[in-house]
N, C-alpha and C. Protein backbone atom coordinates (compact mmCIF):
# COMPACT_ATOMS: atom_id res chain seq x y z
N UNK A 1 0.84 -1.20 0.00
CA UNK A 1 0.00 0.00 0.00
C UNK A 1 0.88 1.25 0.00
N UNK A 2 0.64 2.14 -0.92
CA UNK A 2 1.34 3.42 -0.98
C UNK A 2 0.47 4.47 -0.27
N UNK A 3 1.04 5.13 0.72
CA UNK A 3 0.35 6.18 1.47
C UNK A 3 0.88 7.52 1.00
N UNK A 4 0.02 8.31 0.39
CA UNK A 4 0.41 9.63 -0.11
C UNK A 4 -0.12 10.70 0.84
N UNK A 5 0.77 11.61 1.20
CA UNK A 5 0.41 12.70 2.10
C UNK A 5 0.56 14.02 1.36
N UNK A 6 -0.51 14.79 1.34
CA UNK A 6 -0.51 16.12 0.70
C UNK A 6 -0.48 17.20 1.77
N UNK A 7 0.36 18.19 1.57
CA UNK A 7 0.38 19.33 2.49
C UNK A 7 -0.18 20.55 1.77
N UNK A 8 -1.26 21.09 2.31
CA UNK A 8 -2.02 22.12 1.61
C UNK A 8 -1.28 23.43 1.40
N UNK A 9 -1.53 24.04 0.23
CA UNK A 9 -1.09 25.39 -0.09
C UNK A 9 0.43 25.51 -0.19
N UNK A 10 0.92 26.73 -0.41
CA UNK A 10 2.35 26.94 -0.57
C UNK A 10 2.79 28.28 -0.03
N UNK A 11 4.08 28.53 -0.05
CA UNK A 11 4.63 29.77 0.51
C UNK A 11 4.13 31.00 -0.23
N UNK A 12 3.70 30.81 -1.48
CA UNK A 12 3.22 31.93 -2.28
C UNK A 12 1.69 32.04 -2.31
N UNK A 13 0.99 31.24 -1.47
CA UNK A 13 -0.46 31.34 -1.38
C UNK A 13 -0.83 32.52 -0.49
N UNK A 14 -1.66 33.41 -1.00
CA UNK A 14 -2.05 34.59 -0.22
C UNK A 14 -2.89 34.18 0.98
N UNK A 15 -2.72 34.91 2.09
CA UNK A 15 -3.49 34.62 3.30
C UNK A 15 -3.03 33.32 3.93
N UNK A 16 -3.98 32.50 4.39
CA UNK A 16 -3.71 31.19 4.98
C UNK A 16 -2.71 31.29 6.13
N UNK A 17 -3.01 32.16 7.08
CA UNK A 17 -2.13 32.32 8.23
C UNK A 17 -2.93 32.85 9.42
N UNK A 18 -2.33 32.76 10.61
CA UNK A 18 -2.96 33.33 11.80
C UNK A 18 -2.95 34.84 11.70
N UNK A 19 -3.91 35.53 12.32
CA UNK A 19 -3.93 37.00 12.28
C UNK A 19 -2.64 37.65 12.75
N UNK A 20 -1.96 37.01 13.72
CA UNK A 20 -0.70 37.59 14.21
C UNK A 20 0.51 37.01 13.49
N UNK A 21 0.27 36.22 12.43
CA UNK A 21 1.32 35.61 11.60
C UNK A 21 2.17 34.60 12.36
N UNK A 22 1.70 34.16 13.54
CA UNK A 22 2.48 33.19 14.30
C UNK A 22 2.39 31.79 13.70
N UNK A 23 1.42 31.57 12.82
CA UNK A 23 1.28 30.30 12.12
C UNK A 23 0.97 30.58 10.67
N UNK A 24 1.70 29.91 9.78
CA UNK A 24 1.40 29.94 8.36
C UNK A 24 1.05 28.53 7.93
N UNK A 25 -0.12 28.38 7.34
CA UNK A 25 -0.63 27.04 7.07
C UNK A 25 0.33 26.21 6.23
N UNK A 26 0.91 26.80 5.19
CA UNK A 26 1.77 26.02 4.30
C UNK A 26 2.95 25.42 5.08
N UNK A 27 3.52 26.22 5.98
CA UNK A 27 4.69 25.78 6.74
C UNK A 27 4.31 24.72 7.77
N UNK A 28 3.20 24.98 8.49
CA UNK A 28 2.74 24.03 9.50
C UNK A 28 2.36 22.70 8.85
N UNK A 29 1.61 22.75 7.77
CA UNK A 29 1.16 21.53 7.10
C UNK A 29 2.34 20.71 6.59
N UNK A 30 3.37 21.38 6.08
CA UNK A 30 4.56 20.66 5.60
C UNK A 30 5.31 20.00 6.75
N UNK A 31 5.39 20.69 7.87
CA UNK A 31 6.06 20.08 9.03
C UNK A 31 5.31 18.84 9.50
N UNK A 32 3.99 18.93 9.61
CA UNK A 32 3.20 17.79 10.06
C UNK A 32 3.25 16.66 9.03
N UNK A 33 3.14 17.01 7.75
CA UNK A 33 3.22 15.99 6.70
C UNK A 33 4.56 15.26 6.75
N UNK A 34 5.63 15.99 6.96
CA UNK A 34 6.96 15.38 7.04
C UNK A 34 7.04 14.44 8.24
N UNK A 35 6.49 14.86 9.37
CA UNK A 35 6.48 14.00 10.56
C UNK A 35 5.65 12.75 10.33
N UNK A 36 4.49 12.90 9.70
CA UNK A 36 3.62 11.75 9.43
C UNK A 36 4.34 10.73 8.57
N UNK A 37 4.95 11.19 7.50
CA UNK A 37 5.67 10.28 6.59
C UNK A 37 6.81 9.58 7.33
N UNK A 38 7.57 10.32 8.11
CA UNK A 38 8.69 9.73 8.84
C UNK A 38 8.22 8.65 9.80
N UNK A 39 7.13 8.91 10.52
CA UNK A 39 6.64 7.93 11.48
C UNK A 39 6.03 6.71 10.79
N UNK A 40 5.35 6.91 9.67
CA UNK A 40 4.82 5.78 8.92
C UNK A 40 5.96 4.90 8.40
N UNK A 41 7.01 5.52 7.89
CA UNK A 41 8.17 4.76 7.40
C UNK A 41 8.83 4.01 8.53
N UNK A 42 8.92 4.64 9.71
CA UNK A 42 9.53 3.99 10.87
C UNK A 42 8.74 2.76 11.29
N UNK A 43 7.45 2.74 10.96
CA UNK A 43 6.59 1.60 11.27
C UNK A 43 6.50 0.61 10.11
N UNK A 44 7.32 0.81 9.09
CA UNK A 44 7.40 -0.13 7.99
C UNK A 44 6.45 0.10 6.84
N UNK A 45 5.84 1.28 6.77
CA UNK A 45 4.88 1.58 5.71
C UNK A 45 5.52 2.42 4.61
N UNK A 46 5.01 2.27 3.41
CA UNK A 46 5.51 3.00 2.24
C UNK A 46 4.73 4.30 2.11
N UNK A 47 5.35 5.40 2.53
CA UNK A 47 4.67 6.70 2.54
C UNK A 47 5.55 7.76 1.91
N UNK A 48 4.92 8.74 1.29
CA UNK A 48 5.67 9.87 0.75
C UNK A 48 4.75 11.08 0.58
N UNK A 49 5.36 12.25 0.58
CA UNK A 49 4.63 13.49 0.32
C UNK A 49 4.52 13.68 -1.19
N UNK A 50 3.37 14.20 -1.62
CA UNK A 50 3.21 14.43 -3.06
C UNK A 50 3.66 15.83 -3.46
N UNK A 51 3.87 16.72 -2.48
CA UNK A 51 4.32 18.08 -2.77
C UNK A 51 5.53 18.40 -1.90
N UNK A 52 6.73 18.01 -2.33
CA UNK A 52 7.93 18.36 -1.57
C UNK A 52 8.32 19.83 -1.72
N UNK A 53 7.79 20.49 -2.76
CA UNK A 53 8.11 21.89 -3.00
C UNK A 53 7.50 22.80 -1.94
N UNK A 54 8.14 23.94 -1.66
CA UNK A 54 7.57 24.94 -0.75
C UNK A 54 6.52 25.80 -1.45
N UNK A 55 6.71 26.04 -2.75
CA UNK A 55 5.76 26.87 -3.48
C UNK A 55 4.45 26.12 -3.67
N UNK A 56 3.40 26.85 -3.98
CA UNK A 56 2.11 26.21 -4.20
C UNK A 56 2.14 25.42 -5.50
N UNK A 57 1.61 24.23 -5.45
CA UNK A 57 1.47 23.37 -6.62
C UNK A 57 -0.02 23.27 -6.92
N UNK A 58 -0.39 23.45 -8.17
CA UNK A 58 -1.81 23.49 -8.52
C UNK A 58 -2.51 22.20 -8.13
N UNK A 59 -3.81 22.32 -7.88
CA UNK A 59 -4.60 21.14 -7.54
C UNK A 59 -4.59 20.12 -8.68
N UNK A 60 -4.59 20.63 -9.91
CA UNK A 60 -4.54 19.73 -11.06
C UNK A 60 -3.26 18.91 -11.07
N UNK A 61 -2.13 19.54 -10.76
CA UNK A 61 -0.85 18.83 -10.73
C UNK A 61 -0.79 17.87 -9.55
N UNK A 62 -1.34 18.28 -8.40
CA UNK A 62 -1.37 17.37 -7.25
C UNK A 62 -2.15 16.10 -7.60
N UNK A 63 -3.30 16.29 -8.21
CA UNK A 63 -4.11 15.13 -8.59
C UNK A 63 -3.40 14.28 -9.65
N UNK A 64 -2.70 14.93 -10.57
CA UNK A 64 -1.96 14.18 -11.59
C UNK A 64 -0.92 13.28 -10.94
N UNK A 65 -0.23 13.81 -9.93
CA UNK A 65 0.80 13.03 -9.24
C UNK A 65 0.18 11.83 -8.52
N UNK A 66 -0.96 12.05 -7.88
CA UNK A 66 -1.64 10.96 -7.18
C UNK A 66 -2.11 9.91 -8.18
N UNK A 67 -2.74 10.34 -9.24
CA UNK A 67 -3.30 9.40 -10.20
C UNK A 67 -2.22 8.64 -10.97
N UNK A 68 -1.05 9.26 -11.15
CA UNK A 68 0.06 8.55 -11.77
C UNK A 68 0.50 7.38 -10.89
N UNK A 69 0.47 7.59 -9.58
CA UNK A 69 0.81 6.51 -8.66
C UNK A 69 -0.28 5.44 -8.69
N UNK A 70 -1.54 5.85 -8.81
CA UNK A 70 -2.64 4.88 -8.93
C UNK A 70 -2.48 4.05 -10.20
N UNK A 71 -2.11 4.68 -11.29
CA UNK A 71 -1.92 3.96 -12.55
C UNK A 71 -0.77 2.97 -12.44
N UNK A 72 0.25 3.32 -11.68
CA UNK A 72 1.43 2.47 -11.53
C UNK A 72 1.18 1.29 -10.61
N UNK A 73 0.51 1.53 -9.49
CA UNK A 73 0.37 0.51 -8.44
C UNK A 73 -1.02 -0.12 -8.36
N UNK A 74 -1.99 0.54 -8.98
CA UNK A 74 -3.38 0.10 -8.86
C UNK A 74 -4.10 0.97 -7.85
N UNK A 75 -5.28 1.44 -8.21
CA UNK A 75 -6.04 2.34 -7.35
C UNK A 75 -6.27 1.75 -5.97
N UNK A 76 -6.46 0.44 -5.90
CA UNK A 76 -6.75 -0.22 -4.62
C UNK A 76 -5.52 -0.25 -3.71
N UNK A 77 -4.37 0.11 -4.24
CA UNK A 77 -3.13 0.05 -3.47
C UNK A 77 -2.59 1.42 -3.09
N UNK A 78 -3.44 2.45 -3.17
CA UNK A 78 -3.01 3.82 -2.87
C UNK A 78 -4.09 4.50 -2.03
N UNK A 79 -3.67 5.28 -1.04
CA UNK A 79 -4.58 6.16 -0.31
C UNK A 79 -3.93 7.54 -0.21
N UNK A 80 -4.76 8.55 -0.02
CA UNK A 80 -4.28 9.93 0.08
C UNK A 80 -4.91 10.61 1.28
N UNK A 81 -4.08 11.31 2.06
CA UNK A 81 -4.57 12.17 3.12
C UNK A 81 -3.96 13.56 2.91
N UNK A 82 -4.82 14.57 2.86
CA UNK A 82 -4.39 15.96 2.62
C UNK A 82 -4.50 16.74 3.93
N UNK A 83 -3.41 17.38 4.34
CA UNK A 83 -3.30 18.03 5.64
C UNK A 83 -3.54 19.54 5.52
N UNK A 84 -4.49 20.06 6.29
CA UNK A 84 -4.82 21.48 6.26
C UNK A 84 -5.11 21.99 7.67
N UNK A 85 -5.18 23.32 7.81
CA UNK A 85 -5.77 23.98 8.97
C UNK A 85 -7.01 24.72 8.49
N UNK A 86 -8.03 24.78 9.31
CA UNK A 86 -9.27 25.43 8.96
C UNK A 86 -9.18 26.94 9.22
N UNK A 87 -10.20 27.67 8.78
CA UNK A 87 -10.29 29.11 9.05
C UNK A 87 -11.76 29.51 9.00
N UNK A 88 -12.14 30.43 9.87
CA UNK A 88 -13.54 30.87 9.94
C UNK A 88 -13.78 32.14 9.15
N UNK A 89 -12.74 32.80 8.71
CA UNK A 89 -12.90 34.05 7.97
C UNK A 89 -11.67 34.39 7.17
N UNK A 90 -11.75 35.47 6.41
CA UNK A 90 -10.61 35.89 5.58
C UNK A 90 -10.29 37.36 5.80
N UNK A 91 -10.69 37.89 6.97
CA UNK A 91 -10.50 39.32 7.24
C UNK A 91 -9.30 39.61 8.14
N UNK A 92 -8.51 38.58 8.45
CA UNK A 92 -7.32 38.79 9.26
C UNK A 92 -7.60 39.06 10.73
N UNK A 93 -8.78 38.65 11.21
CA UNK A 93 -9.14 38.87 12.60
C UNK A 93 -9.35 37.53 13.31
N UNK A 94 -9.14 37.52 14.62
CA UNK A 94 -9.36 36.31 15.41
C UNK A 94 -10.84 35.96 15.44
N UNK A 95 -11.15 34.66 15.38
CA UNK A 95 -12.52 34.16 15.40
C UNK A 95 -12.72 33.22 16.58
N UNK A 96 -13.96 32.75 16.74
CA UNK A 96 -14.28 31.87 17.87
C UNK A 96 -14.67 30.46 17.43
N UNK A 97 -14.40 30.11 16.17
CA UNK A 97 -14.63 28.73 15.71
C UNK A 97 -13.42 27.89 16.06
N UNK A 98 -13.65 26.60 16.30
CA UNK A 98 -12.54 25.72 16.63
C UNK A 98 -12.89 24.27 16.37
N UNK A 99 -11.89 23.39 16.49
CA UNK A 99 -12.13 21.97 16.38
C UNK A 99 -11.46 21.30 15.19
N UNK A 100 -11.42 19.98 15.25
CA UNK A 100 -10.82 19.13 14.21
C UNK A 100 -11.93 18.44 13.41
N UNK A 101 -11.70 18.25 12.12
CA UNK A 101 -12.66 17.49 11.31
C UNK A 101 -12.00 16.96 10.06
N UNK A 102 -12.73 16.11 9.34
CA UNK A 102 -12.23 15.54 8.09
C UNK A 102 -13.34 15.56 7.04
N UNK A 103 -12.91 15.61 5.78
CA UNK A 103 -13.81 15.65 4.64
C UNK A 103 -13.53 14.49 3.68
N UNK A 104 -14.61 13.98 3.08
CA UNK A 104 -14.50 13.04 1.97
C UNK A 104 -15.40 13.54 0.84
N UNK A 105 -15.28 12.92 -0.31
CA UNK A 105 -16.17 13.25 -1.43
C UNK A 105 -17.55 12.69 -1.14
N UNK A 106 -18.59 13.22 -1.79
CA UNK A 106 -19.96 12.72 -1.57
C UNK A 106 -20.10 11.24 -1.91
N UNK A 107 -20.95 10.56 -1.16
CA UNK A 107 -21.18 9.13 -1.39
C UNK A 107 -20.36 8.26 -0.46
N UNK A 108 -20.68 6.99 -0.45
CA UNK A 108 -20.00 6.03 0.42
C UNK A 108 -18.89 5.32 -0.34
N UNK A 109 -17.65 5.52 0.10
CA UNK A 109 -16.49 4.87 -0.50
C UNK A 109 -15.55 4.44 0.62
N UNK A 110 -14.41 3.86 0.25
CA UNK A 110 -13.42 3.49 1.26
C UNK A 110 -12.85 4.72 1.96
N UNK A 111 -12.97 5.88 1.33
CA UNK A 111 -12.51 7.11 1.97
C UNK A 111 -13.28 7.37 3.25
N UNK A 112 -14.56 7.01 3.28
CA UNK A 112 -15.36 7.20 4.49
C UNK A 112 -14.86 6.30 5.62
N UNK A 113 -14.41 5.10 5.28
CA UNK A 113 -13.87 4.19 6.29
C UNK A 113 -12.55 4.75 6.83
N UNK A 114 -11.71 5.27 5.92
CA UNK A 114 -10.46 5.90 6.34
C UNK A 114 -10.73 7.10 7.22
N UNK A 115 -11.70 7.92 6.85
CA UNK A 115 -12.03 9.10 7.65
C UNK A 115 -12.52 8.71 9.04
N UNK A 116 -13.34 7.66 9.12
CA UNK A 116 -13.83 7.21 10.43
C UNK A 116 -12.68 6.73 11.30
N UNK A 117 -11.71 6.07 10.69
CA UNK A 117 -10.53 5.64 11.44
C UNK A 117 -9.75 6.84 11.97
N UNK A 118 -9.66 7.89 11.19
CA UNK A 118 -9.00 9.12 11.64
C UNK A 118 -9.80 9.77 12.77
N UNK A 119 -11.12 9.75 12.67
CA UNK A 119 -11.96 10.29 13.74
C UNK A 119 -11.76 9.51 15.04
N UNK A 120 -11.67 8.19 14.94
CA UNK A 120 -11.44 7.37 16.12
C UNK A 120 -10.11 7.72 16.77
N UNK A 121 -9.10 7.94 15.94
CA UNK A 121 -7.78 8.33 16.46
C UNK A 121 -7.83 9.72 17.08
N UNK A 122 -8.66 10.60 16.51
CA UNK A 122 -8.77 11.96 17.05
C UNK A 122 -9.31 11.94 18.48
N UNK A 123 -10.26 11.08 18.76
CA UNK A 123 -10.82 10.99 20.10
C UNK A 123 -9.76 10.61 21.12
N UNK A 124 -8.79 9.83 20.69
CA UNK A 124 -7.71 9.40 21.58
C UNK A 124 -6.62 10.45 21.67
N UNK A 125 -6.11 10.88 20.52
CA UNK A 125 -4.95 11.76 20.49
C UNK A 125 -5.27 13.20 20.90
N UNK A 126 -6.51 13.61 20.77
CA UNK A 126 -6.90 14.96 21.15
C UNK A 126 -7.60 15.00 22.50
N UNK A 127 -7.39 13.97 23.32
CA UNK A 127 -8.07 13.89 24.61
C UNK A 127 -7.80 15.12 25.47
N UNK A 128 -6.56 15.58 25.52
CA UNK A 128 -6.23 16.76 26.31
C UNK A 128 -6.88 18.02 25.76
N UNK A 129 -6.85 18.17 24.45
CA UNK A 129 -7.50 19.30 23.78
C UNK A 129 -9.00 19.29 24.05
N UNK A 130 -9.60 18.09 23.95
CA UNK A 130 -11.04 17.94 24.19
C UNK A 130 -11.37 18.31 25.63
N UNK A 131 -10.52 17.89 26.56
CA UNK A 131 -10.76 18.19 27.98
C UNK A 131 -10.70 19.69 28.26
N UNK A 132 -9.81 20.39 27.59
CA UNK A 132 -9.64 21.83 27.81
C UNK A 132 -10.68 22.66 27.07
N UNK A 133 -11.35 22.07 26.10
CA UNK A 133 -12.25 22.82 25.23
C UNK A 133 -13.35 23.55 26.00
N UNK A 134 -14.08 22.89 26.92
CA UNK A 134 -15.13 23.62 27.65
C UNK A 134 -14.60 24.74 28.53
N UNK A 135 -13.37 24.58 29.00
CA UNK A 135 -12.76 25.65 29.81
C UNK A 135 -12.52 26.87 28.93
N UNK A 136 -11.94 26.64 27.76
CA UNK A 136 -11.71 27.74 26.82
C UNK A 136 -13.04 28.35 26.36
N UNK A 137 -14.05 27.51 26.20
CA UNK A 137 -15.36 28.01 25.78
C UNK A 137 -15.94 28.94 26.85
N UNK A 138 -15.76 28.58 28.13
CA UNK A 138 -16.28 29.41 29.22
C UNK A 138 -15.58 30.75 29.29
N UNK A 139 -14.38 30.81 28.72
CA UNK A 139 -13.61 32.06 28.70
C UNK A 139 -13.85 32.86 27.43
N UNK A 140 -14.74 32.36 26.57
CA UNK A 140 -15.08 33.07 25.35
C UNK A 140 -14.15 32.83 24.18
N UNK A 141 -13.25 31.86 24.31
CA UNK A 141 -12.31 31.59 23.21
C UNK A 141 -12.98 30.80 22.08
N UNK A 142 -14.05 30.09 22.42
CA UNK A 142 -14.90 29.42 21.43
C UNK A 142 -16.33 29.84 21.67
N UNK A 143 -17.12 29.98 20.61
CA UNK A 143 -18.53 30.31 20.81
C UNK A 143 -19.31 29.05 21.18
N UNK A 144 -20.55 29.22 21.56
CA UNK A 144 -21.35 28.14 22.15
C UNK A 144 -21.61 26.98 21.19
N UNK A 145 -21.51 27.20 19.88
CA UNK A 145 -21.81 26.16 18.91
C UNK A 145 -20.63 25.23 18.63
N UNK A 146 -19.45 25.59 19.13
CA UNK A 146 -18.25 24.85 18.74
C UNK A 146 -18.09 23.53 19.49
N UNK A 147 -17.48 22.56 18.80
CA UNK A 147 -17.16 21.25 19.37
C UNK A 147 -15.71 20.93 19.06
N UNK A 148 -15.01 20.26 19.96
CA UNK A 148 -13.60 19.96 19.72
C UNK A 148 -13.37 19.00 18.56
N UNK A 149 -14.31 18.07 18.35
CA UNK A 149 -14.26 17.20 17.18
C UNK A 149 -15.57 17.43 16.43
N UNK A 150 -15.46 18.05 15.27
CA UNK A 150 -16.62 18.46 14.49
C UNK A 150 -17.09 17.30 13.61
N UNK A 151 -18.38 16.97 13.65
CA UNK A 151 -18.89 15.83 12.91
C UNK A 151 -20.17 16.17 12.15
N UNK A 152 -20.47 15.34 11.16
CA UNK A 152 -21.73 15.43 10.40
C UNK A 152 -22.21 14.01 10.15
N UNK A 153 -23.15 13.56 10.98
CA UNK A 153 -23.64 12.19 10.89
C UNK A 153 -24.87 12.06 10.00
N UNK A 154 -25.13 13.06 9.16
CA UNK A 154 -26.34 13.02 8.33
C UNK A 154 -26.36 11.84 7.37
N UNK A 155 -25.17 11.31 7.02
CA UNK A 155 -25.12 10.15 6.13
C UNK A 155 -24.65 8.90 6.86
N UNK A 156 -24.63 8.95 8.20
CA UNK A 156 -24.31 7.77 8.98
C UNK A 156 -22.89 7.64 9.45
N UNK A 157 -22.00 8.52 9.01
CA UNK A 157 -20.62 8.49 9.49
C UNK A 157 -20.18 9.91 9.86
N UNK A 158 -19.06 10.07 10.58
CA UNK A 158 -18.75 11.38 11.17
C UNK A 158 -18.19 12.43 10.24
N UNK A 159 -17.64 12.03 9.08
CA UNK A 159 -16.97 13.03 8.24
C UNK A 159 -17.95 13.93 7.51
N UNK A 160 -17.45 15.11 7.15
CA UNK A 160 -18.18 16.02 6.27
C UNK A 160 -17.95 15.61 4.82
N UNK A 161 -18.88 15.91 3.97
CA UNK A 161 -18.73 15.63 2.54
C UNK A 161 -18.66 16.93 1.76
N UNK A 162 -17.74 16.99 0.81
CA UNK A 162 -17.58 18.19 -0.01
C UNK A 162 -16.93 17.80 -1.33
N UNK A 163 -17.19 18.58 -2.34
CA UNK A 163 -16.60 18.32 -3.65
C UNK A 163 -15.29 19.09 -3.81
N UNK A 164 -14.42 18.98 -2.80
CA UNK A 164 -13.10 19.59 -2.91
C UNK A 164 -12.36 18.93 -4.07
N UNK A 165 -11.62 19.73 -4.81
CA UNK A 165 -10.99 19.25 -6.05
C UNK A 165 -10.16 17.99 -5.82
N UNK A 166 -9.33 18.02 -4.79
CA UNK A 166 -8.41 16.90 -4.57
C UNK A 166 -9.14 15.63 -4.12
N UNK A 167 -10.37 15.77 -3.65
CA UNK A 167 -11.14 14.61 -3.25
C UNK A 167 -11.89 13.97 -4.41
N UNK A 168 -12.34 14.78 -5.35
CA UNK A 168 -13.17 14.24 -6.45
C UNK A 168 -12.38 13.98 -7.73
N UNK A 169 -11.14 14.46 -7.81
CA UNK A 169 -10.36 14.25 -9.03
C UNK A 169 -9.19 13.30 -8.82
N UNK A 170 -9.17 12.59 -7.70
CA UNK A 170 -8.17 11.54 -7.48
C UNK A 170 -8.88 10.20 -7.51
N UNK A 171 -8.18 9.18 -7.99
CA UNK A 171 -8.79 7.88 -8.21
C UNK A 171 -8.86 7.02 -6.95
N UNK A 172 -7.99 7.28 -5.99
CA UNK A 172 -7.89 6.45 -4.79
C UNK A 172 -8.73 7.02 -3.65
N UNK A 173 -8.95 6.27 -2.57
CA UNK A 173 -9.59 6.83 -1.38
C UNK A 173 -8.81 8.05 -0.89
N UNK A 174 -9.51 9.17 -0.70
CA UNK A 174 -8.85 10.42 -0.33
C UNK A 174 -9.62 11.12 0.77
N UNK A 175 -8.90 11.59 1.78
CA UNK A 175 -9.48 12.31 2.91
C UNK A 175 -8.72 13.61 3.10
N UNK A 176 -9.43 14.69 3.35
CA UNK A 176 -8.82 15.98 3.66
C UNK A 176 -9.13 16.31 5.12
N UNK A 177 -8.10 16.53 5.92
CA UNK A 177 -8.32 16.85 7.33
C UNK A 177 -8.09 18.34 7.58
N UNK A 178 -8.92 18.90 8.44
CA UNK A 178 -8.80 20.29 8.87
C UNK A 178 -8.42 20.27 10.35
N UNK A 179 -7.14 20.44 10.62
CA UNK A 179 -6.63 20.34 11.98
C UNK A 179 -6.73 21.68 12.71
N UNK A 180 -7.88 21.91 13.29
CA UNK A 180 -8.14 23.11 14.09
C UNK A 180 -8.15 24.36 13.21
N UNK A 181 -8.31 25.53 13.87
CA UNK A 181 -8.51 26.79 13.14
C UNK A 181 -7.32 27.73 13.33
N UNK A 182 -6.79 28.18 12.19
CA UNK A 182 -5.64 29.07 12.22
C UNK A 182 -6.00 30.51 12.57
N UNK A 183 -7.31 30.79 12.73
CA UNK A 183 -7.70 32.13 13.15
C UNK A 183 -8.43 32.09 14.50
N UNK A 184 -8.13 31.06 15.30
CA UNK A 184 -8.59 31.00 16.68
C UNK A 184 -7.36 30.95 17.58
N UNK A 185 -7.26 31.87 18.52
CA UNK A 185 -6.05 32.00 19.33
C UNK A 185 -5.74 30.73 20.12
N UNK A 186 -6.75 30.13 20.75
CA UNK A 186 -6.52 28.91 21.53
C UNK A 186 -6.06 27.77 20.63
N UNK A 187 -6.67 27.64 19.45
CA UNK A 187 -6.26 26.59 18.52
C UNK A 187 -4.84 26.83 18.02
N UNK A 188 -4.50 28.05 17.71
CA UNK A 188 -3.15 28.36 17.23
C UNK A 188 -2.11 28.04 18.29
N UNK A 189 -2.42 28.34 19.53
CA UNK A 189 -1.48 28.01 20.61
C UNK A 189 -1.23 26.51 20.65
N UNK A 190 -2.30 25.72 20.48
CA UNK A 190 -2.15 24.26 20.47
C UNK A 190 -1.39 23.80 19.22
N UNK A 191 -1.74 24.34 18.07
CA UNK A 191 -1.08 23.96 16.82
C UNK A 191 0.42 24.24 16.85
N UNK A 192 0.81 25.34 17.47
CA UNK A 192 2.22 25.73 17.51
C UNK A 192 3.01 25.01 18.61
N UNK A 193 2.32 24.41 19.54
CA UNK A 193 3.01 23.74 20.64
C UNK A 193 3.58 22.40 20.18
N UNK A 194 4.66 21.98 20.79
CA UNK A 194 5.24 20.68 20.45
C UNK A 194 4.26 19.56 20.82
N UNK A 195 3.54 19.72 21.92
CA UNK A 195 2.55 18.73 22.32
C UNK A 195 1.46 18.60 21.26
N UNK A 196 0.99 19.74 20.76
CA UNK A 196 -0.04 19.72 19.74
C UNK A 196 0.45 19.06 18.46
N UNK A 197 1.66 19.39 18.05
CA UNK A 197 2.21 18.79 16.83
C UNK A 197 2.35 17.28 16.97
N UNK A 198 2.82 16.83 18.13
CA UNK A 198 2.98 15.39 18.36
C UNK A 198 1.64 14.66 18.29
N UNK A 199 0.62 15.23 18.95
CA UNK A 199 -0.67 14.56 18.98
C UNK A 199 -1.37 14.59 17.63
N UNK A 200 -1.25 15.68 16.89
CA UNK A 200 -1.89 15.75 15.58
C UNK A 200 -1.17 14.85 14.58
N UNK A 201 0.15 14.72 14.72
CA UNK A 201 0.88 13.76 13.90
C UNK A 201 0.43 12.35 14.22
N UNK A 202 0.38 12.02 15.51
CA UNK A 202 -0.02 10.67 15.93
C UNK A 202 -1.45 10.36 15.50
N UNK A 203 -2.31 11.35 15.53
CA UNK A 203 -3.70 11.17 15.07
C UNK A 203 -3.71 10.62 13.64
N UNK A 204 -2.97 11.27 12.76
CA UNK A 204 -2.96 10.85 11.36
C UNK A 204 -2.25 9.51 11.18
N UNK A 205 -1.12 9.33 11.84
CA UNK A 205 -0.38 8.08 11.71
C UNK A 205 -1.22 6.90 12.21
N UNK A 206 -1.77 7.01 13.40
CA UNK A 206 -2.54 5.91 13.96
C UNK A 206 -3.83 5.67 13.21
N UNK A 207 -4.48 6.75 12.77
CA UNK A 207 -5.70 6.58 11.98
C UNK A 207 -5.44 5.84 10.69
N UNK A 208 -4.34 6.17 10.02
CA UNK A 208 -3.99 5.50 8.76
C UNK A 208 -3.62 4.04 9.01
N UNK A 209 -2.77 3.79 10.00
CA UNK A 209 -2.35 2.41 10.29
C UNK A 209 -3.54 1.54 10.69
N UNK A 210 -4.41 2.05 11.52
CA UNK A 210 -5.58 1.27 11.94
C UNK A 210 -6.49 0.96 10.77
N UNK A 211 -6.62 1.91 9.85
CA UNK A 211 -7.42 1.66 8.63
C UNK A 211 -6.79 0.55 7.81
N UNK A 212 -5.48 0.62 7.60
CA UNK A 212 -4.81 -0.39 6.78
C UNK A 212 -4.90 -1.77 7.41
N UNK A 213 -4.77 -1.84 8.72
CA UNK A 213 -4.88 -3.14 9.41
C UNK A 213 -6.27 -3.72 9.25
N UNK A 214 -7.28 -2.87 9.31
CA UNK A 214 -8.67 -3.33 9.20
C UNK A 214 -9.00 -3.78 7.79
N UNK A 215 -8.25 -3.31 6.79
CA UNK A 215 -8.52 -3.67 5.39
C UNK A 215 -7.90 -5.01 5.01
N UNK A 216 -7.01 -5.54 5.84
CA UNK A 216 -6.37 -6.81 5.51
C UNK A 216 -7.39 -7.95 5.59
N UNK A 217 -7.37 -8.88 4.63
CA UNK A 217 -8.33 -10.01 4.65
C UNK A 217 -8.05 -10.96 5.82
């Protein structure tokens, strides 16, 4: 099984950063993607990043790289996880949205099973974040509607569905994760912390490994 990890956006993508510039999504996503690949390899899995470049690579080219691997190895032998941070606005101001979630393309596919495995790992790896969430909410850092793990069970599983380009134009099971909000101060503090990076890396690594183990006959 080839595990492909995508790190969203690039150094030349406008915006995509915390209001105080303490976090830039392209840089954070590349660091986490690099850690995920290293840990998967250390566990004996075949993993690689599809965008080693710092500059932004078009969605069309990202999908071409993924599909070329599918053509080479077989679609059933490739999975893709795309790493992102969420945002509640584009005005450069702090917001009160927060939480982790994952997206798949519409309909029921193996991507939904992979996403559920990532959600299960999130409940474990984000236990500390989840525990602190109501405290931060009471202090006004999150508004009343926010949840530490964001879900949409309208189709029977926890992931959100969207026609994001990289989800609908790749041949293999593909999941896009939104690891907290880059325009929420409490989330940014967690994202920038070594503890946060370790747990979010472990979330993806363990979610992927548990999915692959469950797929074995």
